[in-house]
C-alpha atoms as a PDB file:
ATOM      1  CA  MET A   1     -25.447  22.353   6.568  1.00  0.00           C
ATOM      2  CA  ILE A   2     -23.160  24.579   8.638  1.00  0.00           C
ATOM      3  CA  GLN A   3     -20.551  23.938  11.330  1.00  0.00           C
ATOM      4  CA  ARG A   4     -19.897  26.127  14.354  1.00  0.00           C
ATOM      5  CA  ARG A   5     -17.525  25.949  17.317  1.00  0.00           C
ATOM      6  CA  ILE A   6     -18.377  27.681  20.557  1.00  0.00           C
ATOM      7  CA  VAL A   7     -16.548  28.265  23.813  1.00  0.00           C
ATOM      8  CA  ALA A   8     -18.808  29.184  26.741  1.00  0.00           C
ATOM      9  CA  GLN A   9     -17.410  31.180  29.663  1.00  0.00           C
ATOM     10  CA  GLY A  10     -18.890  31.672  33.126  1.00  0.00           C
ATOM     11  CA  ARG A  11     -20.182  29.128  35.614  1.00  0.00           C
ATOM     12  CA  VAL A  12     -20.519  26.356  33.040  1.00  0.00           C
ATOM     13  CA  GLN A  13     -18.791  23.426  34.759  1.00  0.00           C
ATOM     14  CA  GLY A  14     -20.333  21.409  37.567  1.00  0.00           C
ATOM     15  CA  VAL A  15     -23.860  22.552  36.678  1.00  0.00           C
ATOM     16  CA  GLY A  16     -24.894  20.010  34.024  1.00  0.00           C
ATOM     17  CA  TYR A  17     -23.956  22.232  31.103  1.00  0.00           C
ATOM     18  CA  ARG A  18     -22.465  19.433  28.968  1.00  0.00           C
ATOM     19  CA  ALA A  19     -25.503  17.190  29.522  1.00  0.00           C
ATOM     20  CA  PHE A  20     -27.765  20.131  28.666  1.00  0.00           C
ATOM     21  CA  VAL A  21     -25.851  20.738  25.407  1.00  0.00           C
ATOM     22  CA  ALA A  22     -25.909  17.034  24.498  1.00  0.00           C
ATOM     23  CA  ASP A  23     -29.677  16.808  25.122  1.00  0.00           C
ATOM     24  CA  GLU A  24     -30.337  19.965  23.089  1.00  0.00           C
ATOM     25  CA  ALA A  25     -28.188  18.686  20.215  1.00  0.00           C
ATOM     26  CA  THR A  26     -29.879  15.296  20.163  1.00  0.00           C
ATOM     27  CA  SER A  27     -33.369  16.798  20.233  1.00  0.00           C
ATOM     28  CA  ARG A  28     -32.465  19.141  17.347  1.00  0.00           C
ATOM     29  CA  GLY A  29     -30.752  16.459  15.216  1.00  0.00           C
ATOM     30  CA  ILE A  30     -27.375  18.194  15.423  1.00  0.00           C
ATOM     31  CA  GLU A  31     -24.073  16.351  15.086  1.00  0.00           C
ATOM     32  CA  GLY A  32     -20.917  17.224  17.008  1.00  0.00           C
ATOM     33  CA  TRP A  33     -19.496  17.118  20.505  1.00  0.00           C
ATOM     34  CA  VAL A  34     -19.071  18.982  23.804  1.00  0.00           C
ATOM     35  CA  ARG A  35     -16.275  18.930  26.418  1.00  0.00           C
ATOM     36  CA  ASN A  36     -14.971  20.739  29.469  1.00  0.00           C
ATOM     37  CA  ARG A  37     -11.662  22.552  29.242  1.00  0.00           C
ATOM     38  CA  ARG A  38      -9.199  22.877  32.085  1.00  0.00           C
ATOM     39  CA  ASP A  39      -9.512  26.667  31.995  1.00  0.00           C
ATOM     40  CA  GLY A  40     -13.120  26.384  33.264  1.00  0.00           C
ATOM     41  CA  THR A  41     -14.822  26.899  29.895  1.00  0.00           C
ATOM     42  CA  VAL A  42     -16.923  24.476  27.863  1.00  0.00           C
ATOM     43  CA  GLU A  43     -16.193  23.918  24.166  1.00  0.00           C
ATOM     44  CA  ALA A  44     -18.626  22.461  21.627  1.00  0.00           C
ATOM     45  CA  VAL A  45     -18.800  21.835  17.891  1.00  0.00           C
ATOM     46  CA  PHE A  46     -22.139  21.673  16.070  1.00  0.00           C
ATOM     47  CA  ALA A  47     -23.037  20.618  12.526  1.00  0.00           C
ATOM     48  CA  GLY A  48     -26.488  20.714  10.979  1.00  0.00           C
ATOM     49  CA  PRO A  49     -29.057  22.903   9.279  1.00  0.00           C
ATOM     50  CA  ALA A  50     -28.406  26.627   9.808  1.00  0.00           C
ATOM     51  CA  ASP A  51     -31.610  27.233  11.788  1.00  0.00           C
ATOM     52  CA  ALA A  52     -30.983  24.264  14.107  1.00  0.00           C
ATOM     53  CA  VAL A  53     -27.375  25.319  14.758  1.00  0.00           C
ATOM     54  CA  ALA A  54     -28.465  28.915  15.424  1.00  0.00           C
ATOM     55  CA  GLY A  55     -31.056  27.582  17.870  1.00  0.00           C
ATOM     56  CA  ILE A  56     -28.585  25.488  19.837  1.00  0.00           C
ATOM     57  CA  VAL A  57     -26.078  28.338  20.015  1.00  0.00           C
ATOM     58  CA  GLU A  58     -28.853  30.514  21.452  1.00  0.00           C
ATOM     59  CA  ALA A  59     -29.719  27.756  23.962  1.00  0.00           C
ATOM     60  CA  CYS A  60     -26.027  27.616  24.945  1.00  0.00           C
ATOM     61  CA  ARG A  61     -26.163  31.347  25.721  1.00  0.00           C
ATOM     62  CA  ARG A  62     -28.840  30.586  28.351  1.00  0.00           C
ATOM     63  CA  GLY A  63     -27.557  27.212  29.577  1.00  0.00           C
ATOM     64  CA  PRO A  64     -29.284  24.986  32.119  1.00  0.00           C
ATOM     65  CA  TRP A  65     -30.668  26.041  35.470  1.00  0.00           C
ATOM     66  CA  GLY A  66     -27.732  26.749  37.759  1.00  0.00           C
ATOM     67  CA  ALA A  67     -25.376  27.899  35.010  1.00  0.00           C
ATOM     68  CA  ARG A  68     -24.287  31.468  34.445  1.00  0.00           C
ATOM     69  CA  VAL A  69     -23.076  32.073  30.906  1.00  0.00           C
ATOM     70  CA  ASP A  70     -20.962  35.231  30.799  1.00  0.00           C
ATOM     71  CA  GLY A  71     -20.090  34.932  27.123  1.00  0.00           C
ATOM     72  CA  ILE A  72     -19.959  32.719  24.056  1.00  0.00           C
ATOM     73  CA  ASP A  73     -17.130  32.844  21.536  1.00  0.00           C
ATOM     74  CA  GLU A  74     -18.641  31.544  18.273  1.00  0.00           C
ATOM     75  CA  ARG A  75     -16.596  30.711  15.174  1.00  0.00           C
ATOM     76  CA  GLU A  76     -16.797  28.549  12.096  1.00  0.00           C
ATOM     77  CA  ALA A  77     -15.774  24.943  12.825  1.00  0.00           C
ATOM     78  CA  THR A  78     -13.632  22.720  10.649  1.00  0.00           C
ATOM     79  CA  GLN A  79     -14.256  19.179   9.483  1.00  0.00           C
ATOM     80  CA  GLN A  80     -11.222  18.107  11.541  1.00  0.00           C
ATOM     81  CA  GLN A  81     -12.823  19.525  14.691  1.00  0.00           C
ATOM     82  CA  LEU A  82     -16.107  17.737  13.961  1.00  0.00           C
ATOM     83  CA  ALA A  83     -14.202  14.472  13.452  1.00  0.00           C
ATOM     84  CA  LEU A  84     -13.146  14.460  17.126  1.00  0.00           C
ATOM     85  CA  ARG A  85     -16.506  12.965  18.147  1.00  0.00           C
ATOM     86  CA  LYS A  86     -16.597   9.299  19.154  1.00  0.00           C
ATOM     87  CA  PRO A  87     -16.939   6.800  16.274  1.00  0.00           C
ATOM     88  CA  GLY A  88     -20.534   5.763  15.684  1.00  0.00           C
ATOM     89  CA  GLU A  89     -22.041   8.645  17.654  1.00  0.00           C
ATOM     90  CA  ASP A  90     -23.887  11.598  16.177  1.00  0.00           C
ATOM     91  CA  PHE A  91     -23.138  13.719  19.271  1.00  0.00           C
ATOM     92  CA  SER A  92     -20.456  12.961  21.862  1.00  0.00           C
ATOM     93  CA  VAL A  93     -19.509  14.147  25.329  1.00  0.00           C
ATOM     94  CA  LEU A  94     -15.710  14.138  25.168  1.00  0.00           C
ATOM     95  CA  PRO A  95     -13.137  14.046  27.991  1.00  0.00           C
ATOM     96  CA  THR A  96     -11.753  17.260  29.454  1.00  0.00           C
ATOM     97  CA  VAL A  97      -8.797  18.834  27.658  1.00  0.00           C
END
């Protein structure tokens, strides 16, 4: 099991990007969360098997129809970051920060 944090830049707000990420995570059995940031980026934390996490990060590079992903900053995530998800949920859509 690995944990990764990404920040996606580009046209990633107002195009269903968070819903896309949440659907991809749920279908892949990945835990974590996604949220918009006030600077126009989208941040997400993923935890799961290495191949599943690599797959969702790749999906985030493409994004949903209507998005334009200019770049992804990918780093190792911490347990504290993962713990920000809503209690009782495997994957959460969190409020904007």
